[in-house]
C-alpha atoms as a PDB file:
ATOM      1  CA  UNK A   1      -0.002  -0.322  -0.311  1.00  0.00           C
ATOM      2  CA  UNK A   2       1.195   3.743  -1.040  1.00  0.00           C
ATOM      3  CA  UNK A   3       0.285   6.834   0.488  1.00  0.00           C
ATOM      4  CA  UNK A   4       0.177  10.601  -1.104  1.00  0.00           C
ATOM      5  CA  UNK A   5      -1.185  13.742  -0.094  1.00  0.00           C
ATOM      6  CA  UNK A   6      -3.698  15.167  -2.370  1.00  0.00           C
ATOM      7  CA  UNK A   7      -5.223  18.667  -2.433  1.00  0.00           C
ATOM      8  CA  UNK A   8      -9.081  18.644  -3.624  1.00  0.00           C
ATOM      9  CA  UNK A   9     -10.396  20.844  -5.865  1.00  0.00           C
ATOM     10  CA  UNK A  10     -11.950  22.779  -2.866  1.00  0.00           C
ATOM     11  CA  UNK A  11      -8.456  23.360  -1.652  1.00  0.00           C
ATOM     12  CA  UNK A  12      -8.344  20.643   1.363  1.00  0.00           C
ATOM     13  CA  UNK A  13      -5.307  18.545   1.680  1.00  0.00           C
ATOM     14  CA  UNK A  14      -5.909  14.630   2.335  1.00  0.00           C
ATOM     15  CA  UNK A  15      -4.019  11.660   2.751  1.00  0.00           C
ATOM     16  CA  UNK A  16      -4.749   8.675   0.061  1.00  0.00           C
ATOM     17  CA  UNK A  17      -3.987   5.283   0.650  1.00  0.00           C
ATOM     18  CA  UNK A  18      -3.881   3.302  -2.116  1.00  0.00           C
ATOM     19  CA  UNK A  19      -2.353   0.664  -4.261  1.00  0.00           C
ATOM     20  CA  UNK A  20      -0.817   1.066  -8.060  1.00  0.00           C
ATOM     21  CA  UNK A  21      -0.659  -1.527 -10.883  1.00  0.00           C
ATOM     22  CA  UNK A  22       1.383  -0.367 -13.803  1.00  0.00           C
ATOM     23  CA  UNK A  23      -0.493  -3.076 -15.708  1.00  0.00           C
ATOM     24  CA  UNK A  24       1.062  -5.204 -18.823  1.00  0.00           C
ATOM     25  CA  UNK A  25       2.763  -4.144 -21.817  1.00  0.00           C
ATOM     26  CA  UNK A  26       0.792  -5.737 -25.165  1.00  0.00           C
ATOM     27  CA  UNK A  27       2.886  -8.474 -26.421  1.00  0.00           C
ATOM     28  CA  UNK A  28       2.322  -8.981 -30.293  1.00  0.00           C
ATOM     29  CA  UNK A  29       3.629 -12.523 -31.239  1.00  0.00           C
ATOM     30  CA  UNK A  30       4.954 -14.900 -28.314  1.00  0.00           C
ATOM     31  CA  UNK A  31       8.649 -16.181 -28.967  1.00  0.00           C
ATOM     32  CA  UNK A  32       7.054 -19.448 -30.395  1.00  0.00           C
ATOM     33  CA  UNK A  33       4.675 -17.488 -32.793  1.00  0.00           C
ATOM     34  CA  UNK A  34       1.612 -17.745 -30.940  1.00  0.00           C
ATOM     35  CA  UNK A  35      -0.610 -14.404 -30.824  1.00  0.00           C
ATOM     36  CA  UNK A  36       0.045 -12.281 -27.897  1.00  0.00           C
ATOM     37  CA  UNK A  37      -1.987 -10.712 -25.844  1.00  0.00           C
ATOM     38  CA  UNK A  38      -3.659  -6.945 -25.329  1.00  0.00           C
ATOM     39  CA  UNK A  39      -1.545  -6.142 -21.947  1.00  0.00           C
ATOM     40  CA  UNK A  40      -3.539  -3.845 -19.745  1.00  0.00           C
ATOM     41  CA  UNK A  41      -3.095  -0.440 -18.695  1.00  0.00           C
ATOM     42  CA  UNK A  42      -2.490   0.962 -15.524  1.00  0.00           C
ATOM     43  CA  UNK A  43      -4.990   0.976 -12.494  1.00  0.00           C
ATOM     44  CA  UNK A  44      -4.929   2.754  -9.059  1.00  0.00           C
ATOM     45  CA  UNK A  45      -7.085   1.046  -6.113  1.00  0.00           C
ATOM     46  CA  UNK A  46      -8.283   3.982  -3.290  1.00  0.00           C
ATOM     47  CA  UNK A  47      -8.460   2.039   0.350  1.00  0.00           C
ATOM     48  CA  UNK A  48      -9.095   5.310   2.362  1.00  0.00           C
ATOM     49  CA  UNK A  49      -9.009   9.016   2.017  1.00  0.00           C
ATOM     50  CA  UNK A  50      -7.867  10.601   5.581  1.00  0.00           C
ATOM     51  CA  UNK A  51      -8.837  14.071   6.223  1.00  0.00           C
ATOM     52  CA  UNK A  52      -7.612  15.499   9.514  1.00  0.00           C
ATOM     53  CA  UNK A  53     -10.166  18.067  11.512  1.00  0.00           C
ATOM     54  CA  UNK A  54     -10.809  18.801  14.704  1.00  0.00           C
ATOM     55  CA  UNK A  55     -13.399  17.829  16.830  1.00  0.00           C
ATOM     56  CA  UNK A  56     -15.683  20.153  18.782  1.00  0.00           C
ATOM     57  CA  UNK A  57     -12.961  19.555  22.207  1.00  0.00           C
ATOM     58  CA  UNK A  58     -10.213  20.678  20.255  1.00  0.00           C
ATOM     59  CA  UNK A  59      -8.684  17.134  19.658  1.00  0.00           C
ATOM     60  CA  UNK A  60      -7.274  16.519  16.230  1.00  0.00           C
ATOM     61  CA  UNK A  61      -8.887  13.417  14.602  1.00  0.00           C
ATOM     62  CA  UNK A  62      -8.421  11.699  10.814  1.00  0.00           C
ATOM     63  CA  UNK A  63     -11.802  10.876   9.132  1.00  0.00           C
ATOM     64  CA  UNK A  64     -12.024   8.591   6.210  1.00  0.00           C
ATOM     65  CA  UNK A  65     -13.963  10.889   3.937  1.00  0.00           C
ATOM     66  CA  UNK A  66     -13.499   8.472   0.400  1.00  0.00           C
ATOM     67  CA  UNK A  67     -17.322   8.449  -0.052  1.00  0.00           C
ATOM     68  CA  UNK A  68     -17.368  12.675   0.511  1.00  0.00           C
ATOM     69  CA  UNK A  69     -14.795  13.414  -2.207  1.00  0.00           C
ATOM     70  CA  UNK A  70     -16.189  14.075  -5.509  1.00  0.00           C
ATOM     71  CA  UNK A  71     -12.241  14.966  -7.321  1.00  0.00           C
ATOM     72  CA  UNK A  72     -11.054  11.925  -9.526  1.00  0.00           C
ATOM     73  CA  UNK A  73      -8.181  11.087  -7.303  1.00  0.00           C
ATOM     74  CA  UNK A  74      -7.153   8.009  -9.660  1.00  0.00           C
ATOM     75  CA  UNK A  75      -6.816  10.061 -13.017  1.00  0.00           C
ATOM     76  CA  UNK A  76      -4.335  12.383 -10.726  1.00  0.00           C
ATOM     77  CA  UNK A  77      -2.064   9.261  -9.381  1.00  0.00           C
ATOM     78  CA  UNK A  78      -2.123   7.895 -12.469  1.00  0.00           C
ATOM     79  CA  UNK A  79      -0.455  11.025 -14.038  1.00  0.00           C
ATOM     80  CA  UNK A  80       2.181  11.315 -11.169  1.00  0.00           C
ATOM     81  CA  UNK A  81       3.334   7.866 -11.844  1.00  0.00           C
ATOM     82  CA  UNK A  82       3.565   8.372 -15.181  1.00  0.00           C
ATOM     83  CA  UNK A  83       6.202  10.961 -14.422  1.00  0.00           C
END
């Protein structure tokens, strides 16, 4: 599992826990002459999106806001891995 900080479109900083799969390249033909495989593109699975907030008593807490974020974080992570 990997982690990265991400700034949402609304300007909030969150910590994203995710898994990255680079995919497999396309193979036209196998060494023995058999047809190859089409390959697969890279993918990202997001497990948690943590936001640090302050509760009513002033304590700092981390809240998983994955279901509240509308940004396409997967695309941003894929772009970062292409660099």
